[in-house]
């Protein structure tokens, strides 16, 4: 299982998502919007994104932190 986490700096839900992925030993790539990635790049992947995190697992959009928690449990 491989995840991509679109996040922003100082985002509490992003921190929770990454903590959950770490606790489940899920490898992830973090894409920080505004640092290494642009908002436009995020919207190319998730056209309706209104918030972060936006999380993909094995290429499938899971959603945000709550959806990730439900998916992993």
Protein backbone atom coordinates (compact mmCIF):
# COMPACT_ATOMS: atom_id res chain seq x y z
CA UNK A 1 0.00 0.00 0.00
CA UNK A 2 1.37 3.41 -1.01
CA UNK A 3 -0.24 6.73 -0.20
CA UNK A 4 0.06 10.31 -1.40
CA UNK A 5 -0.91 13.03 1.05
CA UNK A 6 -1.59 16.50 -0.35
CA UNK A 7 -1.15 18.82 2.62
CA UNK A 8 -0.28 22.31 3.78
CA UNK A 9 2.05 23.52 6.50
CA UNK A 10 0.44 24.00 9.92
CA UNK A 11 -2.59 21.87 8.99
CA UNK A 12 -3.82 19.89 12.04
CA UNK A 13 -5.85 17.39 9.99
CA UNK A 14 -2.82 16.77 7.77
CA UNK A 15 -0.73 15.98 10.85
CA UNK A 16 -3.42 13.58 12.08
CA UNK A 17 -3.56 11.84 8.70
CA UNK A 18 0.23 11.40 8.56
CA UNK A 19 0.26 10.14 12.16
CA UNK A 20 -2.43 7.58 11.31
CA UNK A 21 -0.56 6.41 8.20
CA UNK A 22 2.64 6.06 10.25
CA UNK A 23 0.80 4.06 12.94
CA UNK A 24 -0.43 1.65 10.25
CA UNK A 25 3.05 1.45 8.65
CA UNK A 26 1.73 2.86 5.37
CA UNK A 27 4.41 4.49 3.22
CA UNK A 28 3.41 7.88 1.90
CA UNK A 29 4.66 10.74 -0.21
CA UNK A 30 3.77 14.15 1.15
CA UNK A 31 2.99 16.87 -1.38
CA UNK A 32 2.97 20.22 0.42
CA UNK A 33 0.84 22.80 -1.38
CA UNK A 34 2.56 26.17 -1.40
CA UNK A 35 6.04 24.69 -0.91
CA UNK A 36 6.88 22.03 -3.50
CA UNK A 37 3.49 21.84 -5.22
CA UNK A 38 0.95 24.43 -6.38
CA UNK A 39 -2.75 24.64 -5.69
CA UNK A 40 -3.25 24.20 -9.44
CA UNK A 41 -1.38 20.89 -9.34
CA UNK A 42 -3.63 19.71 -6.51
CA UNK A 43 -6.73 20.74 -8.47
CA UNK A 44 -5.47 18.78 -11.50
CA UNK A 45 -5.57 15.65 -9.31
CA UNK A 46 -8.68 16.55 -7.28
CA UNK A 47 -10.76 19.10 -9.25
CA UNK A 48 -13.29 19.59 -6.43
CA UNK A 49 -10.76 19.89 -3.59
CA UNK A 50 -11.74 22.59 -1.12
CA UNK A 51 -9.45 21.54 1.71
CA UNK A 52 -6.45 19.45 2.66
CA UNK A 53 -5.46 16.78 3.29
CA UNK A 54 -6.42 15.05 0.07
CA UNK A 55 -5.25 11.46 0.33
CA UNK A 56 -4.73 8.84 -2.35
CA UNK A 57 -3.98 5.19 -1.64
CA UNK A 58 -2.68 3.07 -4.51
CA UNK A 59 -3.84 5.73 -6.97
CA UNK A 60 -7.41 5.92 -5.63
CA UNK A 61 -8.73 9.12 -4.03
CA UNK A 62 -9.77 8.33 -0.46
CA UNK A 63 -10.57 11.90 0.63
CA UNK A 64 -9.58 13.67 3.82
CA UNK A 65 -8.61 12.52 7.30
CA UNK A 66 -12.06 11.18 8.31
CA UNK A 67 -12.35 9.18 5.10
CA UNK A 68 -8.81 7.85 5.59
CA UNK A 69 -9.62 6.76 9.16
CA UNK A 70 -12.76 4.96 7.92
CA UNK A 71 -10.84 3.37 5.04
CA UNK A 72 -8.09 1.98 7.29
CA UNK A 73 -10.43 0.67 10.01
